[in-house]
Amino acid sequence: MADVAYNTIIKIESGTIQNPTINTLSKIANALDVKVDDLIKK
């Protein structure tokens, strides 16, 4: 749904990719129907 590789999602979730691009975050946020800000809150 996000048009992001499954392996990329796994790496972001596991912390292997600690600084995903804004483009990747935007695609994920759109697929989840949330704001990018919601994804980066700690």
PDB file of N, CA and C in Angstrom:
ATOM      1  N   MET A   1       0.815  -1.206   0.000  1.00  0.00           N
ATOM      2  CA  MET A   1       0.000   0.000   0.000  1.00  0.00           C
ATOM      3  C   MET A   1       0.857   1.268   0.000  1.00  0.00           C
ATOM      4  N   ALA A   2       1.989   1.191   0.648  1.00  0.00           N
ATOM      5  CA  ALA A   2       2.824   2.385   0.769  1.00  0.00           C
ATOM      6  C   ALA A   2       3.790   2.531  -0.404  1.00  0.00           C
ATOM      7  N   ASP A   3       3.867   1.517  -1.268  1.00  0.00           N
ATOM      8  CA  ASP A   3       4.828   1.526  -2.378  1.00  0.00           C
ATOM      9  C   ASP A   3       6.255   1.677  -1.861  1.00  0.00           C
ATOM     10  N   VAL A   4       6.517   0.966  -0.741  1.00  0.00           N
ATOM     11  CA  VAL A   4       7.847   0.919  -0.130  1.00  0.00           C
ATOM     12  C   VAL A   4       8.195  -0.564   0.016  1.00  0.00           C
ATOM     13  N   ALA A   5       9.425  -0.908  -0.286  1.00  0.00           N
ATOM     14  CA  ALA A   5       9.839  -2.308  -0.208  1.00  0.00           C
ATOM     15  C   ALA A   5       9.615  -2.867   1.199  1.00  0.00           C
ATOM     16  N   TYR A   6       9.131  -4.109   1.248  1.00  0.00           N
ATOM     17  CA  TYR A   6       8.881  -4.776   2.523  1.00  0.00           C
ATOM     18  C   TYR A   6      10.135  -4.774   3.395  1.00  0.00           C
ATOM     19  N   ASN A   7      11.284  -5.040   2.784  1.00  0.00           N
ATOM     20  CA  ASN A   7      12.536  -5.059   3.550  1.00  0.00           C
ATOM     21  C   ASN A   7      12.844  -3.692   4.154  1.00  0.00           C
ATOM     22  N   THR A   8      12.478  -2.639   3.479  1.00  0.00           N
ATOM     23  CA  THR A   8      12.686  -1.294   4.013  1.00  0.00           C
ATOM     24  C   THR A   8      11.850  -1.081   5.267  1.00  0.00           C
ATOM     25  N   ILE A   9      10.600  -1.531   5.224  1.00  0.00           N
ATOM     26  CA  ILE A   9       9.714  -1.413   6.394  1.00  0.00           C
ATOM     27  C   ILE A   9      10.310  -2.178   7.574  1.00  0.00           C
ATOM     28  N   ILE A  10      10.765  -3.397   7.326  1.00  0.00           N
ATOM     29  CA  ILE A  10      11.353  -4.224   8.381  1.00  0.00           C
ATOM     30  C   ILE A  10      12.584  -3.531   8.969  1.00  0.00           C
ATOM     31  N   LYS A  11      13.427  -2.976   8.121  1.00  0.00           N
ATOM     32  CA  LYS A  11      14.653  -2.315   8.589  1.00  0.00           C
ATOM     33  C   LYS A  11      14.340  -1.064   9.401  1.00  0.00           C
ATOM     34  N   ILE A  12      13.308  -0.334   9.021  1.00  0.00           N
ATOM     35  CA  ILE A  12      12.911   0.857   9.792  1.00  0.00           C
ATOM     36  C   ILE A  12      12.386   0.419  11.162  1.00  0.00           C
ATOM     37  N   GLU A  13      11.526  -0.588  11.164  1.00  0.00           N
ATOM     38  CA  GLU A  13      10.946  -1.071  12.422  1.00  0.00           C
ATOM     39  C   GLU A  13      12.003  -1.628  13.366  1.00  0.00           C
ATOM     40  N   SER A  14      13.001  -2.291  12.819  1.00  0.00           N
ATOM     41  CA  SER A  14      14.028  -2.919  13.657  1.00  0.00           C
ATOM     42  C   SER A  14      15.128  -1.944  14.073  1.00  0.00           C
ATOM     43  N   GLY A  15      15.160  -0.777  13.436  1.00  0.00           N
ATOM     44  CA  GLY A  15      16.178   0.207  13.776  1.00  0.00           C
ATOM     45  C   GLY A  15      17.417   0.145  12.914  1.00  0.00           C
ATOM     46  N   THR A  16      17.454  -0.784  11.963  1.00  0.00           N
ATOM     47  CA  THR A  16      18.602  -0.870  11.055  1.00  0.00           C
ATOM     48  C   THR A  16      18.714   0.405  10.231  1.00  0.00           C
ATOM     49  N   ILE A  17      17.579   0.905   9.756  1.00  0.00           N
ATOM     50  CA  ILE A  17      17.525   2.221   9.103  1.00  0.00           C
ATOM     51  C   ILE A  17      17.010   3.200  10.145  1.00  0.00           C
ATOM     52  N   GLN A  18      17.875   4.066  10.607  1.00  0.00           N
ATOM     53  CA  GLN A  18      17.492   4.998  11.666  1.00  0.00           C
ATOM     54  C   GLN A  18      17.030   6.342  11.130  1.00  0.00           C
ATOM     55  N   ASN A  19      17.386   6.664   9.902  1.00  0.00           N
ATOM     56  CA  ASN A  19      17.000   7.946   9.309  1.00  0.00           C
ATOM     57  C   ASN A  19      16.423   7.736   7.913  1.00  0.00           C
ATOM     58  N   PRO A  20      15.185   7.217   7.829  1.00  0.00           N
ATOM     59  CA  PRO A  20      14.583   7.024   6.514  1.00  0.00           C
ATOM     60  C   PRO A  20      14.339   8.375   5.835  1.00  0.00           C
ATOM     61  N   THR A  21      14.283   8.351   4.526  1.00  0.00           N
ATOM     62  CA  THR A  21      14.061   9.598   3.795  1.00  0.00           C
ATOM     63  C   THR A  21      12.661  10.124   4.060  1.00  0.00           C
ATOM     64  N   ILE A  22      12.489  11.409   3.859  1.00  0.00           N
ATOM     65  CA  ILE A  22      11.174  12.025   4.045  1.00  0.00           C
ATOM     66  C   ILE A  22      10.185  11.444   3.038  1.00  0.00           C
ATOM     67  N   ASN A  23      10.674  11.079   1.866  1.00  0.00           N
ATOM     68  CA  ASN A  23       9.809  10.463   0.852  1.00  0.00           C
ATOM     69  C   ASN A  23       9.262   9.124   1.351  1.00  0.00           C
ATOM     70  N   THR A  24      10.116   8.320   1.938  1.00  0.00           N
ATOM     71  CA  THR A  24       9.693   7.029   2.488  1.00  0.00           C
ATOM     72  C   THR A  24       8.702   7.232   3.630  1.00  0.00           C
ATOM     73  N   LEU A  25       9.013   8.147   4.519  1.00  0.00           N
ATOM     74  CA  LEU A  25       8.099   8.420   5.635  1.00  0.00           C
ATOM     75  C   LEU A  25       6.749   8.927   5.140  1.00  0.00           C
ATOM     76  N   SER A  26       6.771   9.747   4.120  1.00  0.00           N
ATOM     77  CA  SER A  26       5.538  10.284   3.558  1.00  0.00           C
ATOM     78  C   SER A  26       4.672   9.174   2.965  1.00  0.00           C
ATOM     79  N   LYS A  27       5.284   8.252   2.255  1.00  0.00           N
ATOM     80  CA  LYS A  27       4.539   7.132   1.676  1.00  0.00           C
ATOM     81  C   LYS A  27       3.915   6.263   2.756  1.00  0.00           C
ATOM     82  N   ILE A  28       4.681   5.993   3.808  1.00  0.00           N
ATOM     83  CA  ILE A  28       4.172   5.171   4.912  1.00  0.00           C
ATOM     84  C   ILE A  28       3.036   5.897   5.624  1.00  0.00           C
ATOM     85  N   ALA A  29       3.215   7.173   5.884  1.00  0.00           N
ATOM     86  CA  ALA A  29       2.187   7.959   6.564  1.00  0.00           C
ATOM     87  C   ALA A  29       0.899   7.994   5.745  1.00  0.00           C
ATOM     88  N   ASN A  30       1.026   8.188   4.442  1.00  0.00           N
ATOM     89  CA  ASN A  30      -0.170   8.211   3.590  1.00  0.00           C
ATOM     90  C   ASN A  30      -0.892   6.870   3.622  1.00  0.00           C
ATOM     91  N   ALA A  31      -0.149   5.779   3.588  1.00  0.00           N
ATOM     92  CA  ALA A  31      -0.760   4.444   3.618  1.00  0.00           C
ATOM     93  C   ALA A  31      -1.480   4.191   4.938  1.00  0.00           C
ATOM     94  N   LEU A  32      -0.943   4.749   6.021  1.00  0.00           N
ATOM     95  CA  LEU A  32      -1.538   4.556   7.349  1.00  0.00           C
ATOM     96  C   LEU A  32      -2.575   5.623   7.688  1.00  0.00           C
ATOM     97  N   ASP A  33      -2.709   6.618   6.796  1.00  0.00           N
ATOM     98  CA  ASP A  33      -3.630   7.743   7.000  1.00  0.00           C
ATOM     99  C   ASP A  33      -3.305   8.510   8.285  1.00  0.00           C
ATOM    100  N   VAL A  34      -2.024   8.784   8.465  1.00  0.00           N
ATOM    101  CA  VAL A  34      -1.553   9.589   9.587  1.00  0.00           C
ATOM    102  C   VAL A  34      -0.592  10.649   9.056  1.00  0.00           C
ATOM    103  N   LYS A  35      -0.203  11.579   9.904  1.00  0.00           N
ATOM    104  CA  LYS A  35       0.775  12.598   9.531  1.00  0.00           C
ATOM    105  C   LYS A  35       2.188  12.046   9.723  1.00  0.00           C
ATOM    106  N   VAL A  36       3.130  12.568   8.970  1.00  0.00           N
ATOM    107  CA  VAL A  36       4.525  12.169   9.123  1.00  0.00           C
ATOM    108  C   VAL A  36       4.971  12.411  10.551  1.00  0.00           C
ATOM    109  N   ASP A  37       4.522  13.512  11.146  1.00  0.00           N
ATOM    110  CA  ASP A  37       4.873  13.833  12.531  1.00  0.00           C
ATOM    111  C   ASP A  37       4.515  12.689  13.483  1.00  0.00           C
ATOM    112  N   ASP A  38       3.408  12.026  13.217  1.00  0.00           N
ATOM    113  CA  ASP A  38       2.982  10.920  14.077  1.00  0.00           C
ATOM    114  C   ASP A  38       3.951   9.748  14.015  1.00  0.00           C
ATOM    115  N   LEU A  39       4.649   9.602  12.903  1.00  0.00           N
ATOM    116  CA  LEU A  39       5.594   8.503  12.757  1.00  0.00           C
ATOM    117  C   LEU A  39       6.921   8.766  13.459  1.00  0.00           C
ATOM    118  N   ILE A  40       7.267  10.029  13.619  1.00  0.00           N
ATOM    119  CA  ILE A  40       8.586  10.335  14.153  1.00  0.00           C
ATOM    120  C   ILE A  40       8.576  10.740  15.626  1.00  0.00           C
ATOM    121  N   LYS A  41       7.405  10.749  16.255  1.00  0.00           N
ATOM    122  CA  LYS A  41       7.354  11.058  17.685  1.00  0.00           C
ATOM    123  C   LYS A  41       7.967   9.931  18.472  1.00  0.00           C
ATOM    124  N   LYS A  42       8.701  10.294  19.505  1.00  0.00           N
ATOM    125  CA  LYS A  42       9.330   9.273  20.363  1.00  0.00           C
ATOM    126  C   LYS A  42       8.529   9.064  21.606  1.00  0.00           C
TER     127      LYS A  42
END
